[in-house]
Amino acid sequence: MQFFLLILLSGTIRGIGYIVSKYISLGKGSAHAMALANAIMDTLITLPIGLVYLAQNPTNPEIMVLLLAIVSAGMYGLCVAFQYAALKRIDMSVMGIILRLNILFTSLIGVIVLREQMNGWNYLGLLAILSGNFAVVYKKGKFDLNQGVIFAILAAICSALASIMDKQVLNSINSIFYVSLNSLLIMLTMLLMKPKAMTESVMLIKNRFRIFFLYSCIIVTAWFIGSYVLQNMDVSKFTPIQKSVTLIIPVLSGILIFKEKQNLRQKMIGLGFAIIGIALMYL
């Protein structure tokens, strides 16, 4: 019950973070610069915590663990960049549902690679999740796979790969230290991917410090809680529960707060299928 409540809390906080990221995406700036600005703020918040923990609990991780952490950071950095690119092209409610594909990808990789167990209900849940995503992008007799949808799917894939790697790393590293290390690695990876974005990112933080600081505080909090739970659970069970909570908040807020009424019926059908699928994943 303790872990279940912590997953609910983590998912709720992360869902609120998606709402804040929508406000950020509405401003001027490239998707990569915005993502790098977030990574910089995340590092500034988590690094002191990680250093304090490291001073009290010396850690000497294996080389393979560090390599996995580096690749995971790269995947997460790409995920955030793809999310901002998607938000500039599609409604937040649409992206929120499409991102649930990471449940499908994470569960399948967990079963195939990590040998985690799934039953018949779980597989029906995956089918329902796919149906929900297809319902969102289906338009006038065809699937509307525009740039925004493609970016959202790429974000889901990167998120799934990062989750699998995180689980493997957390088998060897404490969650507090890993969140701090991962934040630093994500920032460095994104900086190496596009060094020229640093100037723009610093200007974004300077001009919109409060909103970037708020977003990082929200995401880092969800990250610390989620990493602690993931360290003690199978990733194929953790991801569906957390995402089920995270899904509801951005989709409903996109409809109710941002007045994203276009294709409302499809969004509600997609949301319904996704929730049913996630529930079946937990059986």
Protein backbone atom coordinates (compact mmCIF):
# COMPACT_ATOMS: atom_id res chain seq x y z
CA MET A 1 0.00 0.00 0.00
CA GLN A 2 2.86 2.37 0.79
CA PHE A 3 4.40 1.99 -2.67
CA PHE A 4 0.97 2.26 -4.33
CA LEU A 5 0.28 5.59 -2.61
CA LEU A 6 3.74 6.86 -3.53
CA ILE A 7 3.13 5.94 -7.19
CA LEU A 8 -0.16 7.85 -7.12
CA LEU A 9 1.62 10.85 -5.63
CA SER A 10 4.44 10.68 -8.16
CA GLY A 11 2.01 10.40 -11.07
CA THR A 12 -0.10 13.32 -9.84
CA ILE A 13 2.91 15.58 -9.43
CA ARG A 14 4.27 14.63 -12.86
CA GLY A 15 0.86 15.30 -14.41
CA ILE A 16 0.92 18.81 -12.96
CA GLY A 17 4.39 19.17 -14.46
CA TYR A 18 2.97 18.50 -17.94
CA ILE A 19 0.56 21.41 -17.47
CA VAL A 20 3.45 23.73 -16.58
CA SER A 21 5.45 22.49 -19.58
CA LYS A 22 2.54 23.53 -21.82
CA TYR A 23 2.85 27.11 -20.54
CA ILE A 24 6.60 26.98 -21.17
CA SER A 25 6.13 25.65 -24.72
CA LEU A 26 3.81 28.55 -25.59
CA GLY A 27 6.71 30.99 -25.18
CA LYS A 28 9.42 31.81 -27.68
CA GLY A 29 12.40 29.50 -28.00
CA SER A 30 13.49 26.31 -29.72
CA ALA A 31 12.42 22.92 -28.35
CA HIS A 32 16.02 21.91 -27.62
CA ALA A 33 16.82 25.17 -25.81
CA MET A 34 13.74 24.76 -23.60
CA ALA A 35 14.66 21.16 -22.80
CA LEU A 36 18.25 22.17 -22.01
CA ALA A 37 17.00 24.99 -19.78
CA ASN A 38 14.95 22.42 -17.84
CA ALA A 39 17.98 20.13 -17.56
CA ILE A 40 20.10 23.00 -16.20
CA MET A 41 17.51 23.86 -13.57
CA ASP A 42 17.07 20.18 -12.64
CA THR A 43 20.82 19.86 -12.12
CA LEU A 44 21.04 23.01 -10.01
CA ILE A 45 18.35 21.59 -7.72
CA THR A 46 19.45 17.95 -7.51
CA LEU A 47 23.26 18.23 -7.57
CA PRO A 48 23.63 19.68 -4.03
CA ILE A 49 21.35 16.91 -2.71
CA GLY A 50 23.40 14.27 -4.49
CA LEU A 51 26.71 15.67 -3.22
CA VAL A 52 25.46 15.69 0.36
CA TYR A 53 24.30 12.07 0.01
CA LEU A 54 27.59 11.07 -1.63
CA ALA A 55 29.61 12.66 1.18
CA GLN A 56 27.69 10.61 3.75
CA ASN A 57 27.42 7.43 1.65
CA PRO A 58 30.47 6.96 -0.63
CA THR A 59 29.45 5.19 -3.85
CA ASN A 60 31.64 3.39 -6.39
CA PRO A 61 29.38 2.14 -9.24
CA GLU A 62 30.62 -0.33 -11.88
CA ILE A 63 31.56 0.89 -15.37
CA MET A 64 28.59 -0.87 -17.04
CA VAL A 65 26.20 0.78 -14.61
CA LEU A 66 27.64 4.20 -15.42
CA LEU A 67 27.39 3.48 -19.15
CA LEU A 68 23.73 2.54 -18.76
CA ALA A 69 23.16 5.75 -16.78
CA ILE A 70 24.76 7.80 -19.56
CA VAL A 71 22.65 6.17 -22.29
CA SER A 72 19.52 6.57 -20.14
CA ALA A 73 20.30 10.27 -19.72
CA GLY A 74 20.59 10.62 -23.49
CA MET A 75 17.23 8.91 -23.99
CA TYR A 76 15.54 11.12 -21.41
CA GLY A 77 17.07 14.25 -22.91
CA LEU A 78 15.70 13.28 -26.32
CA CYS A 79 12.33 12.51 -24.73
CA VAL A 80 12.02 16.02 -23.27
CA ALA A 81 13.14 17.64 -26.54
CA PHE A 82 10.58 15.58 -28.51
CA GLN A 83 7.86 16.53 -26.01
CA TYR A 84 8.47 20.24 -26.53
CA ALA A 85 8.60 19.75 -30.30
CA ALA A 86 5.25 17.91 -30.10
CA LEU A 87 3.63 20.53 -27.85
CA LYS A 88 4.42 23.22 -30.40
CA ARG A 89 2.43 21.29 -33.03
CA ILE A 90 -0.40 19.39 -31.29
CA ASP A 91 -2.78 19.82 -28.34
CA MET A 92 -1.47 18.87 -24.90
CA SER A 93 -4.39 16.47 -24.48
CA VAL A 94 -3.42 14.61 -27.68
CA MET A 95 0.23 14.40 -26.64
CA GLY A 96 -0.76 13.23 -23.16
CA ILE A 97 -2.58 10.22 -24.59
CA ILE A 98 0.02 9.36 -27.25
CA LEU A 99 2.76 9.45 -24.62
CA ARG A 100 0.99 6.51 -22.94
CA LEU A 101 2.53 4.37 -25.67
CA ASN A 102 5.56 4.29 -23.38
CA ILE A 103 3.49 1.92 -21.22
CA LEU A 104 3.27 -0.48 -24.16
CA PHE A 105 6.95 -0.18 -25.03
CA THR A 106 8.13 -0.42 -21.42
CA SER A 107 5.96 -3.46 -20.66
CA LEU A 108 7.03 -5.35 -23.78
CA ILE A 109 10.72 -4.63 -23.19
CA GLY A 110 10.29 -5.59 -19.52
CA VAL A 111 8.80 -8.96 -20.52
CA ILE A 112 11.23 -9.71 -23.36
CA VAL A 113 14.47 -8.35 -21.92
CA LEU A 114 14.00 -8.39 -18.13
CA ARG A 115 11.84 -11.56 -18.14
CA GLU A 116 9.05 -9.95 -16.10
CA GLN A 117 5.70 -11.77 -16.07
CA MET A 118 2.42 -10.63 -17.69
CA ASN A 119 -0.96 -12.40 -17.79
CA GLY A 120 -3.79 -12.39 -20.33
CA TRP A 121 -5.49 -9.34 -18.79
CA ASN A 122 -2.26 -7.40 -19.10
CA TYR A 123 -2.02 -8.11 -22.82
CA LEU A 124 -5.66 -7.03 -23.27
CA GLY A 125 -4.68 -3.84 -21.47
CA LEU A 126 -1.89 -3.20 -23.98
CA LEU A 127 -4.39 -3.67 -26.82
CA ALA A 128 -6.77 -1.16 -25.20
CA ILE A 129 -3.95 1.36 -24.81
CA LEU A 130 -3.09 1.01 -28.50
CA SER A 131 -6.78 1.47 -29.40
CA GLY A 132 -6.91 4.64 -27.34
CA ASN A 133 -3.91 6.11 -29.11
CA PHE A 134 -5.23 5.22 -32.55
CA ALA A 135 -8.59 6.82 -31.65
CA VAL A 136 -6.84 10.12 -31.00
CA VAL A 137 -4.93 10.31 -34.31
CA TYR A 138 -7.72 8.90 -36.52
CA LYS A 139 -9.29 11.59 -38.70
CA LYS A 140 -11.64 11.40 -41.69
CA GLY A 141 -10.86 7.85 -42.74
CA LYS A 142 -7.11 8.03 -42.17
CA PHE A 143 -4.60 8.25 -39.38
CA ASP A 144 -3.34 11.82 -39.06
CA LEU A 145 0.33 11.13 -38.43
CA ASN A 146 1.51 14.73 -38.54
CA GLN A 147 4.85 15.98 -37.23
CA GLY A 148 3.48 16.61 -33.74
CA VAL A 149 2.13 13.05 -33.44
CA ILE A 150 5.42 11.59 -34.69
CA PHE A 151 7.40 13.65 -32.17
CA ALA A 152 5.07 12.45 -29.38
CA ILE A 153 5.59 8.80 -30.43
CA LEU A 154 9.37 9.30 -30.46
CA ALA A 155 9.13 10.81 -26.97
CA ALA A 156 7.22 7.71 -25.82
CA ILE A 157 9.89 5.39 -27.24
CA CYS A 158 12.73 7.33 -25.61
CA SER A 159 10.84 7.43 -22.30
CA ALA A 160 10.35 3.64 -22.36
CA LEU A 161 14.02 2.95 -23.07
CA ALA A 162 15.06 5.35 -20.30
CA SER A 163 12.71 3.61 -17.83
CA ILE A 164 14.16 0.18 -18.60
CA MET A 165 17.71 1.45 -18.18
CA ASP A 166 16.77 3.31 -15.00
CA LYS A 167 15.45 0.08 -13.49
CA GLN A 168 18.70 -1.70 -14.27
CA VAL A 169 20.81 1.13 -12.83
CA LEU A 170 18.66 1.39 -9.70
CA ASN A 171 19.44 -2.25 -8.95
CA SER A 172 22.97 -1.06 -8.16
CA ILE A 173 22.69 2.63 -7.17
CA ASN A 174 20.64 4.41 -4.50
CA SER A 175 17.73 6.38 -5.94
CA ILE A 176 18.75 9.70 -4.34
CA PHE A 177 22.24 9.56 -5.81
CA TYR A 178 20.95 8.35 -9.18
CA VAL A 179 18.46 11.19 -9.64
CA SER A 180 21.25 13.70 -9.05
CA LEU A 181 23.67 11.84 -11.33
CA ASN A 182 21.03 11.43 -14.02
CA SER A 183 20.15 15.13 -13.97
CA LEU A 184 23.79 16.06 -14.49
CA LEU A 185 24.24 13.49 -17.27
CA ILE A 186 21.07 14.67 -19.06
CA MET A 187 22.28 18.27 -19.00
CA LEU A 188 25.73 17.32 -20.32
CA THR A 189 24.27 15.04 -23.01
CA MET A 190 21.89 17.71 -24.29
CA LEU A 191 24.70 20.27 -24.24
CA LEU A 192 26.90 17.99 -26.33
CA MET A 193 24.05 17.38 -28.77
CA LYS A 194 23.66 21.10 -29.48
CA PRO A 195 26.26 23.33 -27.75
CA LYS A 196 24.97 26.51 -29.39
CA ALA A 197 21.66 26.08 -27.55
CA MET A 198 23.38 26.98 -24.26
CA THR A 199 23.19 30.73 -24.89
CA GLU A 200 19.50 30.57 -25.75
CA SER A 201 18.79 28.33 -22.74
CA VAL A 202 20.49 30.72 -20.34
CA MET A 203 18.45 33.60 -21.76
CA LEU A 204 15.25 31.57 -21.36
CA ILE A 205 16.06 30.89 -17.70
CA LYS A 206 16.96 34.54 -17.13
CA ASN A 207 13.76 35.86 -18.71
CA ARG A 208 11.40 33.17 -17.35
CA PHE A 209 13.18 31.99 -14.22
CA ARG A 210 10.06 31.47 -12.10
CA ILE A 211 8.26 29.16 -14.52
CA PHE A 212 11.38 27.09 -15.25
CA PHE A 213 12.19 26.85 -11.54
CA LEU A 214 8.61 25.79 -10.75
CA TYR A 215 8.64 23.13 -13.46
CA SER A 216 11.96 21.71 -12.29
CA CYS A 217 10.82 21.59 -8.66
CA ILE A 218 7.71 19.66 -9.72
CA ILE A 219 9.53 17.20 -11.98
CA VAL A 220 12.43 16.64 -9.57
CA THR A 221 10.01 15.88 -6.72
CA ALA A 222 8.14 13.35 -8.87
CA TRP A 223 11.49 11.96 -10.00
CA PHE A 224 12.79 11.37 -6.48
CA ILE A 225 9.56 9.67 -5.40
CA GLY A 226 9.24 7.60 -8.57
CA SER A 227 12.86 6.44 -8.51
CA TYR A 228 12.50 5.26 -4.93
CA VAL A 229 9.43 3.19 -5.83
CA LEU A 230 10.96 1.87 -9.07
CA GLN A 231 13.93 0.62 -7.08
CA ASN A 232 11.54 -1.67 -5.22
CA MET A 233 9.14 -2.75 -8.03
CA ASP A 234 9.08 -4.34 -11.49
CA VAL A 235 9.17 -1.66 -14.17
CA SER A 236 6.33 -3.40 -16.06
CA LYS A 237 4.05 -2.86 -13.02
CA PHE A 238 5.37 0.54 -11.93
CA THR A 239 4.98 2.27 -15.29
CA PRO A 240 1.27 1.49 -15.95
CA ILE A 241 0.18 2.62 -12.48
CA GLN A 242 2.16 5.86 -12.53
CA LYS A 243 1.17 6.74 -16.09
CA SER A 244 -2.50 6.08 -15.39
CA VAL A 245 -2.49 8.99 -12.95
CA THR A 246 -0.20 11.17 -15.06
CA LEU A 247 -2.48 10.69 -18.08
CA ILE A 248 -5.69 12.03 -16.56
CA ILE A 249 -4.35 15.41 -15.45
CA PRO A 250 -2.88 16.77 -18.73
CA VAL A 251 -5.70 15.42 -20.90
CA LEU A 252 -8.50 16.86 -18.74
CA SER A 253 -6.63 20.12 -18.11
CA GLY A 254 -6.01 20.47 -21.85
CA ILE A 255 -9.76 20.21 -22.40
CA LEU A 256 -11.00 22.16 -19.36
CA ILE A 257 -8.27 24.77 -18.81
CA PHE A 258 -6.71 25.30 -22.23
CA LYS A 259 -10.10 24.87 -23.99
CA GLU A 260 -8.70 22.35 -26.48
CA LYS A 261 -12.10 21.38 -27.87
CA GLN A 262 -10.99 20.15 -31.30
CA ASN A 263 -11.76 16.45 -31.79
CA LEU A 264 -13.13 16.35 -28.24
CA ARG A 265 -15.08 13.13 -28.81
CA GLN A 266 -11.99 11.33 -30.09
CA LYS A 267 -9.93 12.55 -27.14
CA MET A 268 -12.51 11.29 -24.64
CA ILE A 269 -12.75 7.91 -26.42
CA GLY A 270 -8.98 7.66 -26.47
CA LEU A 271 -8.77 8.60 -22.80
CA GLY A 272 -11.41 6.00 -21.92
CA PHE A 273 -9.61 3.21 -23.78
CA ALA A 274 -6.30 4.22 -22.19
CA ILE A 275 -7.70 4.17 -18.66
CA ILE A 276 -9.35 0.78 -19.23
CA GLY A 277 -6.11 -0.57 -20.65
CA ILE A 278 -4.08 0.72 -17.74
CA ALA A 279 -6.54 -0.82 -15.27
CA LEU A 280 -6.21 -4.19 -17.03
CA MET A 281 -2.44 -3.88 -16.85
CA TYR A 282 -2.70 -3.84 -13.06
CA LEU A 283 -4.76 -7.07 -12.80
